Protein backbone atom coordinates (compact mmCIF):
# COMPACT_ATOMS: atom_id res chain seq x y z
CA MET A 1 110.50 97.50 48.01
CA ALA A 2 112.67 98.41 50.98
CA ASN A 3 115.95 100.29 50.75
CA SER A 4 117.88 97.04 51.03
CA ASP A 5 116.24 95.91 47.79
CA LEU A 6 117.20 99.01 45.80
CA ALA A 7 120.67 97.85 44.85
CA SER A 8 119.49 94.48 43.57
CA SER A 9 116.77 96.17 41.51
CA GLY A 10 119.21 98.57 39.87
CA LEU A 11 117.32 101.58 41.30
CA THR A 12 118.92 104.36 43.31
CA SER A 13 117.27 106.90 45.60
CA SER A 14 117.47 109.47 42.77
CA ASP A 15 115.35 107.13 40.60
CA LEU A 16 112.56 107.26 43.15
CA ALA A 17 110.12 110.03 43.99
CA ILE A 18 107.21 110.42 46.35
CA GLY A 19 103.93 111.89 45.18
CA VAL A 20 101.13 112.87 47.51
CA ASP A 21 97.63 113.47 46.16
CA ILE A 22 95.38 115.61 48.38
CA GLY A 23 91.70 114.75 48.03
CA GLY A 24 88.57 115.75 49.87
CA THR A 25 88.53 112.52 51.88
CA LYS A 26 92.02 111.07 51.68
CA VAL A 27 95.70 111.97 51.54
CA LEU A 28 97.28 109.32 49.34
CA GLY A 29 101.04 109.04 49.02
CA GLY A 30 103.04 106.77 46.78
CA VAL A 31 106.60 105.89 45.85
CA VAL A 32 107.06 106.14 42.09
CA ASP A 33 109.96 104.95 39.95
CA THR A 34 111.17 106.35 36.62
CA ASN A 35 108.81 104.07 34.70
CA GLY A 36 105.80 105.59 36.45
CA SER A 37 105.23 102.42 38.48
CA ILE A 38 103.95 102.85 42.03
CA LEU A 39 106.06 100.73 44.38
CA ARG A 40 104.25 101.46 47.61
CA THR A 41 101.31 103.55 48.81
CA PHE A 42 100.19 104.88 52.17
CA ARG A 43 97.07 106.87 52.98
CA GLU A 44 95.43 108.78 55.78
CA ASP A 45 92.10 110.59 56.03
CA THR A 46 91.95 114.25 55.09
CA PRO A 47 91.25 116.25 58.25
CA ARG A 48 88.15 118.40 57.96
CA GLU A 49 89.83 121.33 59.69
CA GLY A 50 92.45 121.60 56.92
CA GLY A 51 95.25 124.06 57.58
CA ASP A 52 97.97 122.94 59.99
CA ALA A 53 96.19 119.64 60.65
CA LEU A 54 96.39 118.77 56.96
CA ASN A 55 100.06 119.74 56.80
CA ARG A 56 100.77 117.36 59.67
CA VAL A 57 98.92 114.53 57.91
CA ILE A 58 100.89 115.10 54.71
CA ALA A 59 104.12 115.07 56.71
CA SER A 60 103.04 111.82 58.37
CA VAL A 61 102.34 110.16 55.01
CA VAL A 62 105.66 111.27 53.54
CA THR A 63 107.59 110.23 56.65
CA GLU A 64 106.06 106.76 56.55
CA LEU A 65 107.00 106.30 52.89
CA LEU A 66 110.54 107.58 53.53
CA SER A 67 110.94 104.91 56.21
CA THR A 68 111.17 102.30 53.44
CA HIS A 69 112.19 104.29 50.35
CA LYS A 70 114.75 107.08 50.66
CA THR A 71 114.50 109.95 48.19
CA GLU A 72 114.76 113.73 48.14
CA ASN A 73 112.16 114.04 45.34
CA ILE A 74 108.79 114.85 46.90
CA GLY A 75 105.80 116.39 45.10
CA ILE A 76 102.42 117.41 46.50
CA SER A 77 99.37 117.51 44.20
CA ALA A 78 96.33 119.55 45.26
CA ALA A 79 93.37 121.31 43.67
CA GLY A 80 93.69 125.07 43.61
CA LEU A 81 95.92 127.92 42.53
CA VAL A 82 99.63 127.29 43.16
CA SER A 83 102.36 129.94 43.08
CA SER A 84 104.81 129.89 40.20
CA ASP A 85 107.67 128.91 42.54
CA ARG A 86 105.69 125.76 43.48
CA GLN A 87 105.72 126.59 47.17
CA THR A 88 102.44 128.25 48.14
CA MET A 89 98.76 127.36 47.79
CA LEU A 90 97.36 130.71 46.66
CA GLY A 91 93.77 129.50 46.71
CA ALA A 92 92.36 126.13 47.76
CA PRO A 93 88.59 126.17 47.14
CA ASN A 94 87.90 122.78 48.71
CA ILE A 95 90.27 122.87 51.71
CA LYS A 96 89.73 124.97 54.81
CA ASP A 97 92.46 127.39 55.96
CA TRP A 98 94.89 126.60 53.15
CA ASP A 99 94.67 129.84 51.17
CA GLY A 100 98.02 131.62 51.08
CA VAL A 101 99.82 128.85 52.98
CA ASN A 102 103.42 128.08 52.02
CA ILE A 103 103.02 124.30 51.99
CA ALA A 104 106.66 123.52 51.22
CA GLN A 105 107.84 125.68 54.11
CA ALA A 106 105.28 124.18 56.49
CA LEU A 107 106.32 120.61 55.67
CA ASN A 108 109.98 121.48 56.06
CA LYS A 109 109.26 122.95 59.49
CA ILE A 110 107.26 119.89 60.62
CA CYS A 111 109.54 117.09 59.46
CA GLY A 112 112.53 118.60 57.66
CA ILE A 113 111.60 117.51 54.13
CA ASN A 114 111.95 119.59 50.99
CA SER A 115 109.06 119.39 48.56
CA ILE A 116 107.32 121.09 45.66
CA VAL A 117 103.60 121.76 45.26
CA GLU A 118 101.70 121.28 41.99
CA ASN A 119 98.17 121.97 40.87
CA ASP A 120 96.36 118.63 40.57
CA ALA A 121 95.43 119.13 36.91
CA ASN A 122 99.05 119.99 36.04
CA SER A 123 100.15 116.83 37.86
CA ALA A 124 97.64 114.64 36.04
CA ALA A 125 98.45 116.17 32.65
CA TRP A 126 102.16 115.61 33.17
CA ALA A 127 101.60 111.97 34.13
CA GLU A 128 99.45 111.38 31.04
CA ARG A 129 102.07 113.09 28.86
CA VAL A 130 104.96 111.03 30.22
CA TYR A 131 103.30 107.67 30.89
CA GLY A 132 99.70 107.71 29.67
CA ALA A 133 97.40 108.71 26.83
CA GLY A 134 99.63 111.58 25.68
CA LYS A 135 102.92 109.70 25.95
CA GLY A 136 105.63 111.21 23.74
CA GLN A 137 103.60 114.29 22.78
CA GLU A 138 105.11 117.74 23.28
CA ASN A 139 101.86 119.74 23.20
CA VAL A 140 99.05 118.32 25.29
CA ILE A 141 95.85 119.74 26.72
CA MET A 142 94.20 117.90 29.58
CA ILE A 143 90.70 118.53 30.84
CA THR A 144 89.55 116.84 34.04
CA VAL A 145 85.77 116.55 34.20
CA GLY A 146 84.63 115.94 37.74
CA THR A 147 82.68 117.99 40.27
CA GLY A 148 84.25 120.99 38.56
CA LEU A 149 86.31 121.24 35.39
CA GLY A 150 90.08 121.42 35.71
CA GLY A 151 92.59 122.10 33.00
CA ALA A 152 96.27 121.96 32.21
CA ALA A 153 98.51 122.53 29.21
CA ILE A 154 101.86 121.05 28.30
CA VAL A 155 103.50 123.43 25.81
CA ASP A 156 106.68 122.40 24.01
CA GLY A 157 107.23 119.69 26.60
CA LYS A 158 106.81 121.92 29.66
CA PRO A 159 103.84 122.55 31.98
CA LEU A 160 102.28 125.95 31.37
CA ARG A 161 102.15 127.74 34.71
CA GLY A 162 102.00 131.38 33.63
CA ALA A 163 103.52 134.44 35.27
CA ASN A 164 101.87 133.78 38.64
CA GLY A 165 101.26 130.04 38.56
CA THR A 166 97.59 130.31 37.64
CA GLY A 167 97.75 129.53 33.91
CA ALA A 168 95.45 127.11 32.08
CA GLU A 169 92.49 127.37 34.46
CA PHE A 170 90.19 126.38 31.62
CA GLY A 171 87.21 125.71 33.85
CA HIS A 172 86.78 129.44 34.37
CA MET A 173 86.93 130.42 30.72
CA ARG A 174 83.67 132.20 29.99
CA VAL A 175 81.61 130.40 27.34
CA VAL A 176 78.15 131.94 27.94
CA PRO A 177 77.86 135.68 28.64
CA ASP A 178 75.59 136.23 31.65
CA GLY A 179 75.19 132.46 31.99
CA GLU A 180 75.05 130.24 35.08
CA LEU A 181 76.64 131.72 38.20
CA CYS A 182 79.93 129.99 39.04
CA GLY A 183 81.52 129.52 42.45
CA CYS A 184 84.38 131.74 41.30
CA GLY A 185 82.00 134.71 41.26
CA ILE A 186 81.41 135.24 37.54
CA ARG A 187 78.76 133.89 35.19
CA GLY A 188 79.01 131.57 32.23
CA CYS A 189 82.16 129.60 33.12
CA TYR A 190 83.03 126.50 31.09
CA GLU A 191 82.67 124.25 34.13
CA GLN A 192 79.07 125.36 34.58
CA TYR A 193 78.24 123.57 31.31
CA ALA A 194 80.71 120.71 30.89
CA SER A 195 81.44 119.42 34.42
CA GLY A 196 79.94 116.51 36.32
CA THR A 197 77.95 118.97 38.41
CA ALA A 198 76.56 120.54 35.24
CA LEU A 199 75.69 117.10 33.89
CA VAL A 200 73.57 116.32 36.95
CA ARG A 201 71.94 119.77 36.93
CA GLN A 202 70.98 119.38 33.27
CA ALA A 203 69.63 115.90 33.99
CA LYS A 204 67.46 117.13 36.84
CA ALA A 205 66.06 119.89 34.64
CA ALA A 206 65.22 117.42 31.88
CA ILE A 207 63.57 115.03 34.32
CA SER A 208 61.47 117.81 35.84
CA GLN A 209 60.08 118.61 32.40
CA ASN A 210 59.25 114.98 31.60
CA PRO A 211 59.28 112.71 34.68
CA ASP A 212 57.81 109.73 32.81
CA SER A 213 60.90 109.57 30.58
CA ALA A 214 63.19 109.08 33.57
CA ARG A 215 61.75 106.08 35.39
CA ASP A 216 64.70 103.82 34.59
CA LEU A 217 67.22 106.54 35.31
CA LEU A 218 65.72 107.42 38.69
CA ALA A 219 65.40 103.76 39.63
CA ARG A 220 69.21 103.54 39.63
CA GLY A 221 69.28 105.82 42.67
CA ASP A 222 66.76 106.22 45.45
CA GLY A 223 63.93 107.00 43.04
CA THR A 224 64.07 110.78 43.56
CA ILE A 225 65.56 113.59 41.52
CA ALA A 226 67.51 114.73 44.59
CA GLY A 227 69.19 111.32 44.79
CA LEU A 228 70.48 111.39 41.22
CA VAL A 229 74.29 111.35 40.73
CA GLY A 230 76.52 111.28 37.67
CA SER A 231 77.24 107.55 37.79
CA HIS A 232 73.50 106.82 37.50
CA ILE A 233 73.41 108.77 34.23
CA THR A 234 76.45 106.94 32.87
CA ASP A 235 75.12 103.52 33.84
CA ALA A 236 71.72 104.22 32.31
CA ALA A 237 73.27 105.52 29.09
CA ARG A 238 75.40 102.40 28.76
CA ALA A 239 72.22 100.35 29.11
CA GLY A 240 70.64 102.30 26.25
CA ASP A 241 68.44 104.75 28.16
CA ARG A 242 67.55 107.47 25.65
CA LEU A 243 67.27 110.31 28.13
CA ALA A 244 70.63 109.49 29.73
CA ILE A 245 72.29 109.25 26.31
CA ALA A 246 70.85 112.63 25.31
CA ILE A 247 72.08 114.22 28.55
CA LEU A 248 75.61 112.89 28.00
CA GLN A 249 75.54 114.02 24.37
CA ASN A 250 74.62 117.53 25.50
CA SER A 251 77.47 117.55 28.03
CA GLY A 252 79.88 116.25 25.39
CA ASP A 253 78.73 118.97 23.01
CA TRP A 254 79.58 121.65 25.55
CA LEU A 255 82.91 119.98 26.20
CA GLY A 256 83.75 119.99 22.49
CA GLN A 257 82.77 123.62 22.04
CA GLY A 258 85.29 124.62 24.68
CA ILE A 259 87.95 122.39 23.15
CA ALA A 260 87.48 124.13 19.79
CA THR A 261 88.52 127.40 21.41
CA LEU A 262 91.38 125.85 23.38
CA ALA A 263 92.70 124.14 20.26
CA MET A 264 93.01 127.46 18.47
CA LEU A 265 94.78 129.00 21.47
CA PHE A 266 97.25 126.20 22.19
CA ASP A 267 97.39 124.07 19.01
CA PRO A 268 97.80 120.76 20.87
CA SER A 269 98.32 117.47 19.10
CA ILE A 270 96.10 115.70 21.63
CA VAL A 271 93.41 116.56 24.17
CA VAL A 272 93.20 114.11 27.07
CA ILE A 273 89.93 113.93 28.99
CA GLY A 274 90.07 112.62 32.56
CA GLY A 275 88.00 112.75 35.73
CA GLY A 276 85.02 110.75 36.89
CA VAL A 277 82.77 111.58 33.93
CA ILE A 278 85.18 109.85 31.52
CA ASP A 279 83.68 106.56 32.67
CA ALA A 280 81.05 107.33 30.00
CA GLY A 281 83.72 106.78 27.34
CA GLU A 282 82.63 107.32 23.75
CA LEU A 283 79.15 108.37 24.86
CA LEU A 284 80.86 111.60 25.94
CA LEU A 285 83.90 111.73 23.66
CA GLU A 286 82.21 111.29 20.30
CA PRO A 287 79.81 114.24 20.81
CA ALA A 288 82.82 116.28 21.97
CA ARG A 289 84.71 115.48 18.75
CA LYS A 290 81.71 116.43 16.60
CA ALA A 291 81.22 119.72 18.46
CA MET A 292 84.91 120.58 18.17
CA MET A 293 84.82 120.07 14.41
CA ARG A 294 81.58 122.06 14.10
CA GLU A 295 82.83 125.03 16.14
CA MET A 296 86.51 125.23 15.21
CA PRO A 297 87.55 128.16 13.00
CA PHE A 298 89.16 127.30 9.65
CA VAL A 299 88.21 123.67 10.04
CA GLY A 300 89.53 121.56 7.18
CA LYS A 301 92.47 123.89 6.63
CA HIS A 302 94.69 122.68 9.49
CA PRO A 303 95.28 119.54 11.56
CA VAL A 304 93.00 119.07 14.55
CA PRO A 305 93.88 117.40 17.86
CA GLU A 306 92.80 113.94 18.87
CA ILE A 307 90.37 113.77 21.76
CA VAL A 308 91.08 110.70 23.88
CA ALA A 309 90.33 109.28 27.32
CA ALA A 310 92.96 109.44 30.05
CA LYS A 311 94.66 106.16 30.91
CA LEU A 312 96.03 106.58 34.43
CA GLY A 313 92.78 107.20 36.31
CA ASN A 314 92.95 108.27 39.95
CA GLU A 315 96.69 107.62 40.14
CA ALA A 316 97.60 110.36 37.64
CA GLY A 317 97.93 113.19 40.17
CA LEU A 318 100.17 111.17 42.47
CA VAL A 319 102.40 109.94 39.63
CA GLY A 320 102.63 113.35 37.98
CA ALA A 321 103.54 115.20 41.18
CA ALA A 322 106.23 112.62 41.91
CA ASP A 323 107.71 112.90 38.43
CA LEU A 324 107.60 116.72 38.42
CA SER A 325 109.51 116.77 41.72
CA ARG A 326 112.53 115.49 39.78
CA ASN A 327 112.50 118.56 37.50
């Protein structure tokens, strides 16, 4: 929809927002209306060198979208620790030379736009709360299960950012004292037991102990343990493979144990699970529900949250960042 079409549609520039989702391989921007609909997208590859090169790519994506849809609402979604003023990337574990960079200031210097920066999990949680699985709920927890484990909390209708912008980093909640070493530098983090990476690690360990039980599972890749990825486990489980089902049940159990703790801390009405591993659906969610009920204090004496799958998929970060830029 070009600017000339805005009047006939009833939309104004203030109804529109641009969200940009920063991924490891692509920078995806989109124009989003107040219904959460994406009117136009534009993407470029994520530069490996990160830093200033990435800032220029983001500016290029935003500039292209502004050429057809004028708005002053621009939100950037990226994985990492974001300052409470929504300006600076305090720590970006997957992007080179972005730690401590004031992204909003850099973009303004390059192309004169004003923008806000949001943690990707916060962006996704907000989108699910406004338009998706948590629509209409005031207290929502979202857990994104991918390579790592991201988290976000909506408390009384507002994203929880904390004093320094680093609140709700659930993935680094310690669940096993002296457990698996995490990339953050401590041992026993939640994401070391309930993430997609953990799922594959647990699968490889199980296969090593009993290779004969994994013939079907391994055949979905290149036939080797090294070639196994999370989607192979999900596909095999859906086809009824017992080992794959057991591996997903174990991952779901760990997920639910963490949720039991988070539910007592935040008292959400709903817990939304997103990320690539959610393709497993109930094979993951049902074990998580059972574990939550088993591990939750005072169970039976208070309401418990629903545990549901996210609805917006890979578009959640883009949509959420766009919508949050209006606030």
